[in-house]
Amino acid sequence: HVFQNTSIGEEGIKLTGSNDIYKVSEILQRSEKEDFILFRVNIT
């Protein structure tokens, strides 16, 4: 539900202690019923 009905590609991921914003690079799996989304961020 954090991502529900939002525009893919317009997400911003802010890491603790950092001023950098990272993007979601891939959505791997999601379920509205069990309210989870599995994704990859462009960071290693």
PDB file of all heavy atoms in Angstrom:
ATOM      1  N   HIS A   1       0.803  -1.222   0.000  1.00  0.00           N
ATOM      2  CA  HIS A   1       0.000   0.000   0.000  1.00  0.00           C
ATOM      3  C   HIS A   1       0.839   1.276   0.000  1.00  0.00           C
ATOM      4  O   HIS A   1       0.336   2.346  -0.316  1.00  0.00           O
ATOM      5  CB  HIS A   1      -1.002   0.013   1.169  1.00  0.00           C
ATOM      6  CG  HIS A   1      -0.432   0.299   2.512  1.00  0.00           C
ATOM      7  ND1 HIS A   1      -0.204  -0.677   3.461  1.00  0.00           N
ATOM      8  CD2 HIS A   1      -0.053   1.466   3.098  1.00  0.00           C
ATOM      9  CE1 HIS A   1       0.279  -0.119   4.563  1.00  0.00           C
ATOM     10  NE2 HIS A   1       0.384   1.182   4.364  1.00  0.00           N
ATOM     11  N   VAL A   2       2.131   1.168   0.332  1.00  0.00           N
ATOM     12  CA  VAL A   2       3.015   2.333   0.246  1.00  0.00           C
ATOM     13  C   VAL A   2       3.212   2.738  -1.214  1.00  0.00           C
ATOM     14  O   VAL A   2       3.354   3.913  -1.543  1.00  0.00           O
ATOM     15  CB  VAL A   2       4.372   2.043   0.917  1.00  0.00           C
ATOM     16  CG1 VAL A   2       5.381   3.158   0.662  1.00  0.00           C
ATOM     17  CG2 VAL A   2       4.188   1.847   2.422  1.00  0.00           C
ATOM     18  N   PHE A   3       3.185   1.758  -2.117  1.00  0.00           N
ATOM     19  CA  PHE A   3       3.390   1.991  -3.547  1.00  0.00           C
ATOM     20  C   PHE A   3       2.089   2.002  -4.345  1.00  0.00           C
ATOM     21  O   PHE A   3       2.091   2.351  -5.518  1.00  0.00           O
ATOM     22  CB  PHE A   3       4.296   0.901  -4.127  1.00  0.00           C
ATOM     23  CG  PHE A   3       5.731   0.971  -3.680  1.00  0.00           C
ATOM     24  CD1 PHE A   3       6.103   0.574  -2.406  1.00  0.00           C
ATOM     25  CD2 PHE A   3       6.725   1.435  -4.540  1.00  0.00           C
ATOM     26  CE1 PHE A   3       7.427   0.622  -1.994  1.00  0.00           C
ATOM     27  CE2 PHE A   3       8.052   1.490  -4.137  1.00  0.00           C
ATOM     28  CZ  PHE A   3       8.401   1.094  -2.862  1.00  0.00           C
ATOM     29  N   GLN A   4       1.008   1.609  -3.731  1.00  0.00           N
ATOM     30  CA  GLN A   4      -0.253   1.426  -4.457  1.00  0.00           C
ATOM     31  C   GLN A   4      -0.725   2.709  -5.129  1.00  0.00           C
ATOM     32  O   GLN A   4      -0.760   3.775  -4.527  1.00  0.00           O
ATOM     33  CB  GLN A   4      -1.336   0.922  -3.501  1.00  0.00           C
ATOM     34  CG  GLN A   4      -2.617   0.500  -4.194  1.00  0.00           C
ATOM     35  CD  GLN A   4      -3.634  -0.069  -3.212  1.00  0.00           C
ATOM     36  OE1 GLN A   4      -3.470   0.060  -2.002  1.00  0.00           O
ATOM     37  NE2 GLN A   4      -4.663  -0.714  -3.720  1.00  0.00           N
ATOM     38  N   ASN A   5      -1.092   2.592  -6.413  1.00  0.00           N
ATOM     39  CA  ASN A   5      -1.620   3.701  -7.216  1.00  0.00           C
ATOM     40  C   ASN A   5      -0.642   4.864  -7.376  1.00  0.00           C
ATOM     41  O   ASN A   5      -1.048   5.994  -7.631  1.00  0.00           O
ATOM     42  CB  ASN A   5      -2.935   4.229  -6.627  1.00  0.00           C
ATOM     43  CG  ASN A   5      -4.043   3.197  -6.687  1.00  0.00           C
ATOM     44  OD1 ASN A   5      -4.017   2.294  -7.517  1.00  0.00           O
ATOM     45  ND2 ASN A   5      -5.015   3.313  -5.797  1.00  0.00           N
ATOM     46  N   THR A   6       0.647   4.588  -7.204  1.00  0.00           N
ATOM     47  CA  THR A   6       1.653   5.629  -7.441  1.00  0.00           C
ATOM     48  C   THR A   6       2.362   5.338  -8.756  1.00  0.00           C
ATOM     49  O   THR A   6       2.202   4.276  -9.355  1.00  0.00           O
ATOM     50  CB  THR A   6       2.674   5.690  -6.294  1.00  0.00           C
ATOM     51  OG1 THR A   6       3.387   4.462  -6.215  1.00  0.00           O
ATOM     52  CG2 THR A   6       1.983   5.961  -4.973  1.00  0.00           C
ATOM     53  N   SER A   7       3.144   6.289  -9.210  1.00  0.00           N
ATOM     54  CA  SER A   7       3.798   6.183 -10.507  1.00  0.00           C
ATOM     55  C   SER A   7       5.153   5.498 -10.369  1.00  0.00           C
ATOM     56  O   SER A   7       6.043   6.017  -9.686  1.00  0.00           O
ATOM     57  CB  SER A   7       3.988   7.580 -11.118  1.00  0.00           C
ATOM     58  OG  SER A   7       2.739   8.230 -11.264  1.00  0.00           O
ATOM     59  N   ILE A   8       5.303   4.335 -10.997  1.00  0.00           N
ATOM     60  CA  ILE A   8       6.573   3.626 -10.965  1.00  0.00           C
ATOM     61  C   ILE A   8       7.631   4.495 -11.638  1.00  0.00           C
ATOM     62  O   ILE A   8       7.429   5.017 -12.729  1.00  0.00           O
ATOM     63  CB  ILE A   8       6.464   2.268 -11.684  1.00  0.00           C
ATOM     64  CG1 ILE A   8       5.401   1.402 -11.003  1.00  0.00           C
ATOM     65  CG2 ILE A   8       7.799   1.558 -11.707  1.00  0.00           C
ATOM     66  CD1 ILE A   8       5.692   1.090  -9.554  1.00  0.00           C
ATOM     67  N   GLY A   9       8.741   4.643 -10.966  1.00  0.00           N
ATOM     68  CA  GLY A   9       9.815   5.491 -11.483  1.00  0.00           C
ATOM     69  C   GLY A   9       9.897   6.825 -10.773  1.00  0.00           C
ATOM     70  O   GLY A   9      10.877   7.557 -10.914  1.00  0.00           O
ATOM     71  N   GLU A  10       8.868   7.142  -9.998  1.00  0.00           N
ATOM     72  CA  GLU A  10       8.878   8.400  -9.258  1.00  0.00           C
ATOM     73  C   GLU A  10       9.111   8.184  -7.768  1.00  0.00           C
ATOM     74  O   GLU A  10       8.876   9.074  -6.963  1.00  0.00           O
ATOM     75  CB  GLU A  10       7.568   9.165  -9.486  1.00  0.00           C
ATOM     76  CG  GLU A  10       7.399   9.645 -10.919  1.00  0.00           C
ATOM     77  CD  GLU A  10       6.200  10.554 -11.098  1.00  0.00           C
ATOM     78  OE1 GLU A  10       5.478  10.792 -10.102  1.00  0.00           O
ATOM     79  OE2 GLU A  10       5.981  11.041 -12.209  1.00  0.00           O
ATOM     80  N   GLU A  11       9.568   6.975  -7.414  1.00  0.00           N
ATOM     81  CA  GLU A  11       9.850   6.699  -6.012  1.00  0.00           C
ATOM     82  C   GLU A  11      11.228   7.253  -5.648  1.00  0.00           C
ATOM     83  O   GLU A  11      12.111   7.350  -6.480  1.00  0.00           O
ATOM     84  CB  GLU A  11       9.852   5.194  -5.715  1.00  0.00           C
ATOM     85  CG  GLU A  11       8.645   4.446  -6.220  1.00  0.00           C
ATOM     86  CD  GLU A  11       8.840   3.938  -7.625  1.00  0.00           C
ATOM     87  OE1 GLU A  11       9.830   4.320  -8.276  1.00  0.00           O
ATOM     88  OE2 GLU A  11       8.000   3.154  -8.086  1.00  0.00           O
ATOM     89  N   GLY A  12      11.377   7.603  -4.393  1.00  0.00           N
ATOM     90  CA  GLY A  12      12.665   8.016  -3.869  1.00  0.00           C
ATOM     91  C   GLY A  12      12.972   7.239  -2.608  1.00  0.00           C
ATOM     92  O   GLY A  12      12.119   7.111  -1.720  1.00  0.00           O
ATOM     93  N   ILE A  13      14.159   6.673  -2.524  1.00  0.00           N
ATOM     94  CA  ILE A  13      14.594   5.912  -1.360  1.00  0.00           C
ATOM     95  C   ILE A  13      15.691   6.707  -0.668  1.00  0.00           C
ATOM     96  O   ILE A  13      16.749   6.950  -1.245  1.00  0.00           O
ATOM     97  CB  ILE A  13      15.145   4.529  -1.766  1.00  0.00           C
ATOM     98  CG1 ILE A  13      14.115   3.757  -2.598  1.00  0.00           C
ATOM     99  CG2 ILE A  13      15.575   3.749  -0.541  1.00  0.00           C
ATOM    100  CD1 ILE A  13      12.808   3.488  -1.905  1.00  0.00           C
ATOM    101  N   LYS A  14      15.431   7.138   0.558  1.00  0.00           N
ATOM    102  CA  LYS A  14      16.429   7.917   1.305  1.00  0.00           C
ATOM    103  C   LYS A  14      17.036   7.044   2.395  1.00  0.00           C
ATOM    104  O   LYS A  14      16.338   6.583   3.285  1.00  0.00           O
ATOM    105  CB  LYS A  14      15.811   9.162   1.932  1.00  0.00           C
ATOM    106  CG  LYS A  14      16.825   9.999   2.704  1.00  0.00           C
ATOM    107  CD  LYS A  14      16.165  11.149   3.452  1.00  0.00           C
ATOM    108  CE  LYS A  14      17.195  11.956   4.238  1.00  0.00           C
ATOM    109  NZ  LYS A  14      17.924  11.153   5.234  1.00  0.00           N
ATOM    110  N   LEU A  15      18.335   6.838   2.300  1.00  0.00           N
ATOM    111  CA  LEU A  15      19.029   6.032   3.292  1.00  0.00           C
ATOM    112  C   LEU A  15      19.337   6.857   4.531  1.00  0.00           C
ATOM    113  O   LEU A  15      19.580   8.072   4.454  1.00  0.00           O
ATOM    114  CB  LEU A  15      20.330   5.477   2.716  1.00  0.00           C
ATOM    115  CG  LEU A  15      20.222   4.670   1.421  1.00  0.00           C
ATOM    116  CD1 LEU A  15      21.585   4.085   1.064  1.00  0.00           C
ATOM    117  CD2 LEU A  15      19.182   3.574   1.538  1.00  0.00           C
ATOM    118  N   THR A  16      19.351   6.211   5.673  1.00  0.00           N
ATOM    119  CA  THR A  16      19.675   6.880   6.926  1.00  0.00           C
ATOM    120  C   THR A  16      21.099   7.416   6.892  1.00  0.00           C
ATOM    121  O   THR A  16      22.022   6.711   6.482  1.00  0.00           O
ATOM    122  CB  THR A  16      19.540   5.895   8.103  1.00  0.00           C
ATOM    123  OG1 THR A  16      18.200   5.408   8.138  1.00  0.00           O
ATOM    124  CG2 THR A  16      19.853   6.587   9.423  1.00  0.00           C
ATOM    125  N   GLY A  17      21.259   8.660   7.310  1.00  0.00           N
ATOM    126  CA  GLY A  17      22.584   9.265   7.372  1.00  0.00           C
ATOM    127  C   GLY A  17      23.123   9.708   6.029  1.00  0.00           C
ATOM    128  O   GLY A  17      24.298  10.067   5.919  1.00  0.00           O
ATOM    129  N   SER A  18      22.290   9.673   5.001  1.00  0.00           N
ATOM    130  CA  SER A  18      22.732  10.079   3.667  1.00  0.00           C
ATOM    131  C   SER A  18      21.786  11.126   3.101  1.00  0.00           C
ATOM    132  O   SER A  18      20.592  11.125   3.391  1.00  0.00           O
ATOM    133  CB  SER A  18      22.770   8.863   2.738  1.00  0.00           C
ATOM    134  OG  SER A  18      22.996   9.247   1.406  1.00  0.00           O
ATOM    135  N   ASN A  19      22.332  12.018   2.281  1.00  0.00           N
ATOM    136  CA  ASN A  19      21.505  13.010   1.600  1.00  0.00           C
ATOM    137  C   ASN A  19      21.170  12.577   0.171  1.00  0.00           C
ATOM    138  O   ASN A  19      20.530  13.319  -0.568  1.00  0.00           O
ATOM    139  CB  ASN A  19      22.225  14.356   1.569  1.00  0.00           C
ATOM    140  CG  ASN A  19      22.308  14.985   2.948  1.00  0.00           C
ATOM    141  OD1 ASN A  19      21.422  14.808   3.778  1.00  0.00           O
ATOM    142  ND2 ASN A  19      23.383  15.708   3.215  1.00  0.00           N
ATOM    143  N   ASP A  20      21.617  11.390  -0.194  1.00  0.00           N
ATOM    144  CA  ASP A  20      21.383  10.892  -1.549  1.00  0.00           C
ATOM    145  C   ASP A  20      20.024  10.209  -1.645  1.00  0.00           C
ATOM    146  O   ASP A  20      19.557   9.583  -0.700  1.00  0.00           O
ATOM    147  CB  ASP A  20      22.471   9.903  -1.950  1.00  0.00           C
ATOM    148  CG  ASP A  20      23.847  10.541  -2.014  1.00  0.00           C
ATOM    149  OD1 ASP A  20      23.923  11.716  -2.412  1.00  0.00           O
ATOM    150  OD2 ASP A  20      24.837   9.863  -1.666  1.00  0.00           O
ATOM    151  N   ILE A  21      19.407  10.337  -2.826  1.00  0.00           N
ATOM    152  CA  ILE A  21      18.133   9.697  -3.105  1.00  0.00           C
ATOM    153  C   ILE A  21      18.354   8.637  -4.178  1.00  0.00           C
ATOM    154  O   ILE A  21      18.943   8.895  -5.224  1.00  0.00           O
ATOM    155  CB  ILE A  21      17.086  10.718  -3.592  1.00  0.00           C
ATOM    156  CG1 ILE A  21      16.859  11.794  -2.531  1.00  0.00           C
ATOM    157  CG2 ILE A  21      15.776  10.020  -3.945  1.00  0.00           C
ATOM    158  CD1 ILE A  21      16.323  11.279  -1.218  1.00  0.00           C
ATOM    159  N   TYR A  22      17.893   7.421  -3.908  1.00  0.00           N
ATOM    160  CA  TYR A  22      18.053   6.313  -4.841  1.00  0.00           C
ATOM    161  C   TYR A  22      16.700   5.933  -5.429  1.00  0.00           C
ATOM    162  O   TYR A  22      15.652   6.237  -4.863  1.00  0.00           O
ATOM    163  CB  TYR A  22      18.685   5.121  -4.130  1.00  0.00           C
ATOM    164  CG  TYR A  22      20.076   5.405  -3.623  1.00  0.00           C
ATOM    165  CD1 TYR A  22      20.272   5.942  -2.349  1.00  0.00           C
ATOM    166  CD2 TYR A  22      21.196   5.162  -4.418  1.00  0.00           C
ATOM    167  CE1 TYR A  22      21.548   6.230  -1.879  1.00  0.00           C
ATOM    168  CE2 TYR A  22      22.474   5.446  -3.957  1.00  0.00           C
ATOM    169  CZ  TYR A  22      22.646   5.977  -2.692  1.00  0.00           C
ATOM    170  OH  TYR A  22      23.902   6.272  -2.236  1.00  0.00           O
ATOM    171  N   LYS A  23      16.756   5.257  -6.567  1.00  0.00           N
ATOM    172  CA  LYS A  23      15.536   4.886  -7.268  1.00  0.00           C
ATOM    173  C   LYS A  23      15.304   3.381  -7.202  1.00  0.00           C
ATOM    174  O   LYS A  23      16.239   2.589  -7.061  1.00  0.00           O
ATOM    175  CB  LYS A  23      15.630   5.305  -8.749  1.00  0.00           C
ATOM    176  CG  LYS A  23      15.956   6.775  -8.948  1.00  0.00           C
ATOM    177  CD  LYS A  23      14.843   7.687  -8.495  1.00  0.00           C
ATOM    178  CE  LYS A  23      13.641   7.592  -9.386  1.00  0.00           C
ATOM    179  NZ  LYS A  23      12.570   8.511  -8.968  1.00  0.00           N
ATOM    180  N   VAL A  24      14.036   3.004  -7.326  1.00  0.00           N
ATOM    181  CA  VAL A  24      13.679   1.598  -7.454  1.00  0.00           C
ATOM    182  C   VAL A  24      14.005   1.172  -8.883  1.00  0.00           C
ATOM    183  O   VAL A  24      13.527   1.778  -9.841  1.00  0.00           O
ATOM    184  CB  VAL A  24      12.191   1.370  -7.161  1.00  0.00           C
ATOM    185  CG1 VAL A  24      11.787  -0.061  -7.482  1.00  0.00           C
ATOM    186  CG2 VAL A  24      11.886   1.700  -5.704  1.00  0.00           C
ATOM    187  N   SER A  25      14.831   0.141  -9.027  1.00  0.00           N
ATOM    188  CA  SER A  25      15.236  -0.285 -10.365  1.00  0.00           C
ATOM    189  C   SER A  25      14.375  -1.422 -10.904  1.00  0.00           C
ATOM    190  O   SER A  25      14.274  -1.606 -12.117  1.00  0.00           O
ATOM    191  CB  SER A  25      16.709  -0.717 -10.364  1.00  0.00           C
ATOM    192  OG  SER A  25      16.923  -1.787  -9.457  1.00  0.00           O
ATOM    193  N   GLU A  26      13.739  -2.187  -9.999  1.00  0.00           N
ATOM    194  CA  GLU A  26      12.959  -3.334 -10.450  1.00  0.00           C
ATOM    195  C   GLU A  26      11.960  -3.759  -9.381  1.00  0.00           C
ATOM    196  O   GLU A  26      12.296  -3.829  -8.205  1.00  0.00           O
ATOM    197  CB  GLU A  26      13.909  -4.497 -10.753  1.00  0.00           C
ATOM    198  CG  GLU A  26      13.252  -5.726 -11.317  1.00  0.00           C
ATOM    199  CD  GLU A  26      14.245  -6.846 -11.577  1.00  0.00           C
ATOM    200  OE1 GLU A  26      15.412  -6.734 -11.147  1.00  0.00           O
ATOM    201  OE2 GLU A  26      13.841  -7.845 -12.212  1.00  0.00           O
ATOM    202  N   ILE A  27      10.724  -4.022  -9.806  1.00  0.00           N
ATOM    203  CA  ILE A  27       9.717  -4.613  -8.931  1.00  0.00           C
ATOM    204  C   ILE A  27       9.710  -6.111  -9.198  1.00  0.00           C
ATOM    205  O   ILE A  27       9.449  -6.559 -10.316  1.00  0.00           O
ATOM    206  CB  ILE A  27       8.311  -4.034  -9.195  1.00  0.00           C
ATOM    207  CG1 ILE A  27       8.296  -2.512  -9.011  1.00  0.00           C
ATOM    208  CG2 ILE A  27       7.289  -4.707  -8.270  1.00  0.00           C
ATOM    209  CD1 ILE A  27       8.548  -2.048  -7.619  1.00  0.00           C
ATOM    210  N   LEU A  28      10.015  -6.904  -8.188  1.00  0.00           N
ATOM    211  CA  LEU A  28      10.148  -8.347  -8.365  1.00  0.00           C
ATOM    212  C   LEU A  28       8.857  -9.107  -8.073  1.00  0.00           C
ATOM    213  O   LEU A  28       8.532 -10.077  -8.751  1.00  0.00           O
ATOM    214  CB  LEU A  28      11.273  -8.879  -7.471  1.00  0.00           C
ATOM    215  CG  LEU A  28      12.654  -8.261  -7.738  1.00  0.00           C
ATOM    216  CD1 LEU A  28      13.651  -8.743  -6.704  1.00  0.00           C
ATOM    217  CD2 LEU A  28      13.127  -8.606  -9.141  1.00  0.00           C
ATOM    218  N   GLN A  29       8.135  -8.682  -7.042  1.00  0.00           N
ATOM    219  CA  GLN A  29       6.889  -9.354  -6.668  1.00  0.00           C
ATOM    220  C   GLN A  29       6.074  -8.423  -5.774  1.00  0.00           C
ATOM    221  O   GLN A  29       6.644  -7.608  -5.043  1.00  0.00           O
ATOM    222  CB  GLN A  29       7.180 -10.659  -5.938  1.00  0.00           C
ATOM    223  CG  GLN A  29       5.991 -11.576  -5.759  1.00  0.00           C
ATOM    224  CD  GLN A  29       5.390 -12.042  -7.068  1.00  0.00           C
ATOM    225  OE1 GLN A  29       4.229 -11.793  -7.341  1.00  0.00           O
ATOM    226  NE2 GLN A  29       6.186 -12.721  -7.899  1.00  0.00           N
ATOM    227  N   ARG A  30       4.775  -8.550  -5.820  1.00  0.00           N
ATOM    228  CA  ARG A  30       3.916  -7.743  -4.953  1.00  0.00           C
ATOM    229  C   ARG A  30       2.610  -8.472  -4.693  1.00  0.00           C
ATOM    230  O   ARG A  30       2.177  -9.305  -5.496  1.00  0.00           O
ATOM    231  CB  ARG A  30       3.645  -6.374  -5.563  1.00  0.00           C
ATOM    232  CG  ARG A  30       3.142  -6.390  -6.978  1.00  0.00           C
ATOM    233  CD  ARG A  30       3.106  -5.001  -7.575  1.00  0.00           C
ATOM    234  NE  ARG A  30       3.246  -5.019  -9.028  1.00  0.00           N
ATOM    235  CZ  ARG A  30       3.397  -3.936  -9.754  1.00  0.00           C
ATOM    236  NH1 ARG A  30       3.408  -2.753  -9.189  1.00  0.00           N
ATOM    237  NH2 ARG A  30       3.542  -4.017 -11.058  1.00  0.00           N
ATOM    238  N   SER A  31       2.000  -8.153  -3.559  1.00  0.00           N
ATOM    239  CA  SER A  31       0.728  -8.762  -3.204  1.00  0.00           C
ATOM    240  C   SER A  31      -0.111  -7.768  -2.411  1.00  0.00           C
ATOM    241  O   SER A  31       0.300  -7.324  -1.335  1.00  0.00           O
ATOM    242  CB  SER A  31       0.952 -10.032  -2.370  1.00  0.00           C
ATOM    243  OG  SER A  31      -0.271 -10.497  -1.832  1.00  0.00           O
ATOM    244  N   GLU A  32      -1.266  -7.436  -2.950  1.00  0.00           N
ATOM    245  CA  GLU A  32      -2.175  -6.557  -2.211  1.00  0.00           C
ATOM    246  C   GLU A  32      -2.781  -7.304  -1.033  1.00  0.00           C
ATOM    247  O   GLU A  32      -2.968  -6.735   0.048  1.00  0.00           O
ATOM    248  CB  GLU A  32      -3.280  -6.054  -3.128  1.00  0.00           C
ATOM    249  CG  GLU A  32      -4.244  -5.098  -2.446  1.00  0.00           C
ATOM    250  CD  GLU A  32      -5.260  -4.510  -3.394  1.00  0.00           C
ATOM    251  OE1 GLU A  32      -5.307  -4.943  -4.564  1.00  0.00           O
ATOM    252  OE2 GLU A  32      -6.005  -3.614  -2.973  1.00  0.00           O
ATOM    253  N   LYS A  33      -3.063  -8.595  -1.216  1.00  0.00           N
ATOM    254  CA  LYS A  33      -3.691  -9.385  -0.169  1.00  0.00           C
ATOM    255  C   LYS A  33      -2.819  -9.467   1.083  1.00  0.00           C
ATOM    256  O   LYS A  33      -3.304  -9.311   2.202  1.00  0.00           O
ATOM    257  CB  LYS A  33      -3.990 -10.792  -0.692  1.00  0.00           C
ATOM    258  CG  LYS A  33      -4.647 -11.705   0.325  1.00  0.00           C
ATOM    259  CD  LYS A  33      -4.903 -13.093  -0.257  1.00  0.00           C
ATOM    260  CE  LYS A  33      -5.518 -14.019   0.783  1.00  0.00           C
ATOM    261  NZ  LYS A  33      -5.757 -15.387   0.237  1.00  0.00           N
ATOM    262  N   GLU A  34      -1.511  -9.736   0.892  1.00  0.00           N
ATOM    263  CA  GLU A  34      -0.603  -9.845   2.029  1.00  0.00           C
ATOM    264  C   GLU A  34       0.262  -8.596   2.183  1.00  0.00           C
ATOM    265  O   GLU A  34       1.235  -8.602   2.936  1.00  0.00           O
ATOM    266  CB  GLU A  34       0.247 -11.110   1.886  1.00  0.00           C
ATOM    267  CG  GLU A  34      -0.609 -12.369   1.979  1.00  0.00           C
ATOM    268  CD  GLU A  34       0.193 -13.652   1.890  1.00  0.00           C
ATOM    269  OE1 GLU A  34       1.003 -13.784   0.941  1.00  0.00           O
ATOM    270  OE2 GLU A  34       0.016 -14.522   2.762  1.00  0.00           O
ATOM    271  N   ASP A  35      -0.098  -7.550   1.489  1.00  0.00           N
ATOM    272  CA  ASP A  35       0.442  -6.204   1.660  1.00  0.00           C
ATOM    273  C   ASP A  35       1.970  -6.144   1.674  1.00  0.00           C
ATOM    274  O   ASP A  35       2.576  -5.550   2.560  1.00  0.00           O
ATOM    275  CB  ASP A  35      -0.115  -5.582   2.947  1.00  0.00           C
ATOM    276  CG  ASP A  35      -0.017  -4.051   2.910  1.00  0.00           C
ATOM    277  OD1 ASP A  35       0.210  -3.486   1.825  1.00  0.00           O
ATOM    278  OD2 ASP A  35      -0.160  -3.435   3.986  1.00  0.00           O
ATOM    279  N   PHE A  36       2.598  -6.750   0.678  1.00  0.00           N
ATOM    280  CA  PHE A  36       4.050  -6.630   0.578  1.00  0.00           C
ATOM    281  C   PHE A  36       4.455  -6.316  -0.852  1.00  0.00           C
ATOM    282  O   PHE A  36       3.719  -6.594  -1.812  1.00  0.00           O
ATOM    283  CB  PHE A  36       4.755  -7.912   1.036  1.00  0.00           C
ATOM    284  CG  PHE A  36       4.731  -9.040   0.032  1.00  0.00           C
ATOM    285  CD1 PHE A  36       5.691  -9.126  -0.978  1.00  0.00           C
ATOM    286  CD2 PHE A  36       3.753 -10.024   0.092  1.00  0.00           C
ATOM    287  CE1 PHE A  36       5.665 -10.157  -1.906  1.00  0.00           C
ATOM    288  CE2 PHE A  36       3.724 -11.062  -0.830  1.00  0.00           C
ATOM    289  CZ  PHE A  36       4.680 -11.122  -1.844  1.00  0.00           C
ATOM    290  N   ILE A  37       5.612  -5.720  -0.986  1.00  0.00           N
ATOM    291  CA  ILE A  37       6.227  -5.504  -2.293  1.00  0.00           C
ATOM    292  C   ILE A  37       7.707  -5.801  -2.151  1.00  0.00           C
ATOM    293  O   ILE A  37       8.355  -5.399  -1.183  1.00  0.00           O
ATOM    294  CB  ILE A  37       5.972  -4.069  -2.816  1.00  0.00           C
ATOM    295  CG1 ILE A  37       6.545  -3.911  -4.236  1.00  0.00           C
ATOM    296  CG2 ILE A  37       6.524  -3.019  -1.873  1.00  0.00           C
ATOM    297  CD1 ILE A  37       6.046  -2.649  -4.933  1.00  0.00           C
ATOM    298  N   LEU A  38       8.228  -6.573  -3.098  1.00  0.00           N
ATOM    299  CA  LEU A  38       9.630  -6.980  -3.119  1.00  0.00           C
ATOM    300  C   LEU A  38      10.271  -6.295  -4.313  1.00  0.00           C
ATOM    301  O   LEU A  38       9.808  -6.443  -5.445  1.00  0.00           O
ATOM    302  CB  LEU A  38       9.718  -8.503  -3.246  1.00  0.00           C
ATOM    303  CG  LEU A  38      11.096  -9.154  -3.286  1.00  0.00           C
ATOM    304  CD1 LEU A  38      11.813  -8.995  -1.944  1.00  0.00           C
ATOM    305  CD2 LEU A  38      10.954 -10.645  -3.628  1.00  0.00           C
ATOM    306  N   PHE A  39      11.322  -5.539  -4.073  1.00  0.00           N
ATOM    307  CA  PHE A  39      11.906  -4.735  -5.146  1.00  0.00           C
ATOM    308  C   PHE A  39      13.409  -4.588  -4.960  1.00  0.00           C
ATOM    309  O   PHE A  39      13.965  -4.929  -3.917  1.00  0.00           O
ATOM    310  CB  PHE A  39      11.248  -3.353  -5.194  1.00  0.00           C
ATOM    311  CG  PHE A  39      11.346  -2.562  -3.916  1.00  0.00           C
ATOM    312  CD1 PHE A  39      12.338  -1.606  -3.740  1.00  0.00           C
ATOM    313  CD2 PHE A  39      10.436  -2.758  -2.882  1.00  0.00           C
ATOM    314  CE1 PHE A  39      12.428  -0.873  -2.558  1.00  0.00           C
ATOM    315  CE2 PHE A  39      10.514  -2.030  -1.699  1.00  0.00           C
ATOM    316  CZ  PHE A  39      11.514  -1.082  -1.543  1.00  0.00           C
ATOM    317  N   ARG A  40      14.042  -4.055  -5.988  1.00  0.00           N
ATOM    318  CA  ARG A  40      15.480  -3.828  -5.928  1.00  0.00           C
ATOM    319  C   ARG A  40      15.765  -2.340  -6.116  1.00  0.00           C
ATOM    320  O   ARG A  40      15.145  -1.669  -6.935  1.00  0.00           O
ATOM    321  CB  ARG A  40      16.209  -4.649  -6.996  1.00  0.00           C
ATOM    322  CG  ARG A  40      17.705  -4.809  -6.731  1.00  0.00           C
ATOM    323  CD  ARG A  40      18.318  -5.829  -7.671  1.00  0.00           C
ATOM    324  NE  ARG A  40      17.893  -7.186  -7.422  1.00  0.00           N
ATOM    325  CZ  ARG A  40      18.393  -7.954  -6.452  1.00  0.00           C
ATOM    326  NH1 ARG A  40      19.308  -7.480  -5.618  1.00  0.00           N
ATOM    327  NH2 ARG A  40      17.961  -9.190  -6.296  1.00  0.00           N
ATOM    328  N   VAL A  41      16.695  -1.840  -5.298  1.00  0.00           N
ATOM    329  CA  VAL A  41      17.120  -0.439  -5.369  1.00  0.00           C
ATOM    330  C   VAL A  41      18.476  -0.396  -6.071  1.00  0.00           C
ATOM    331  O   VAL A  41      19.290  -1.317  -5.919  1.00  0.00           O
ATOM    332  CB  VAL A  41      17.232   0.165  -3.950  1.00  0.00           C
ATOM    333  CG1 VAL A  41      17.651   1.629  -4.012  1.00  0.00           C
ATOM    334  CG2 VAL A  41      15.901   0.020  -3.218  1.00  0.00           C
ATOM    335  N   ASN A  42      18.724   0.668  -6.848  1.00  0.00           N
ATOM    336  CA  ASN A  42      19.972   0.742  -7.608  1.00  0.00           C
ATOM    337  C   ASN A  42      21.150   1.133  -6.723  1.00  0.00           C
ATOM    338  O   ASN A  42      21.749   2.206  -6.859  1.00  0.00           O
ATOM    339  CB  ASN A  42      19.835   1.729  -8.774  1.00  0.00           C
ATOM    340  CG  ASN A  42      19.549   3.148  -8.311  1.00  0.00           C
ATOM    341  OD1 ASN A  42      19.075   3.356  -7.194  1.00  0.00           O
ATOM    342  ND2 ASN A  42      19.837   4.130  -9.148  1.00  0.00           N
ATOM    343  N   ILE A  43      21.482   0.237  -5.814  1.00  0.00           N
ATOM    344  CA  ILE A  43      22.597   0.456  -4.898  1.00  0.00           C
ATOM    345  C   ILE A  43      23.140  -0.908  -4.478  1.00  0.00           C
ATOM    346  O   ILE A  43      22.401  -1.900  -4.468  1.00  0.00           O
ATOM    347  CB  ILE A  43      22.159   1.275  -3.657  1.00  0.00           C
ATOM    348  CG1 ILE A  43      23.354   1.654  -2.791  1.00  0.00           C
ATOM    349  CG2 ILE A  43      21.110   0.523  -2.856  1.00  0.00           C
ATOM    350  CD1 ILE A  43      23.004   2.579  -1.633  1.00  0.00           C
ATOM    351  N   THR A  44      24.428  -0.963  -4.172  1.00  0.00           N
ATOM    352  CA  THR A  44      25.039  -2.210  -3.713  1.00  0.00           C
ATOM    353  C   THR A  44      25.766  -1.971  -2.394  1.00  0.00           C
ATOM    354  O   THR A  44      25.889  -0.834  -1.935  1.00  0.00           O
ATOM    355  CB  THR A  44      26.032  -2.760  -4.746  1.00  0.00           C
ATOM    356  OG1 THR A  44      27.028  -1.755  -5.027  1.00  0.00           O
ATOM    357  CG2 THR A  44      25.319  -3.158  -6.028  1.00  0.00           C
TER     358      THR A  44
END
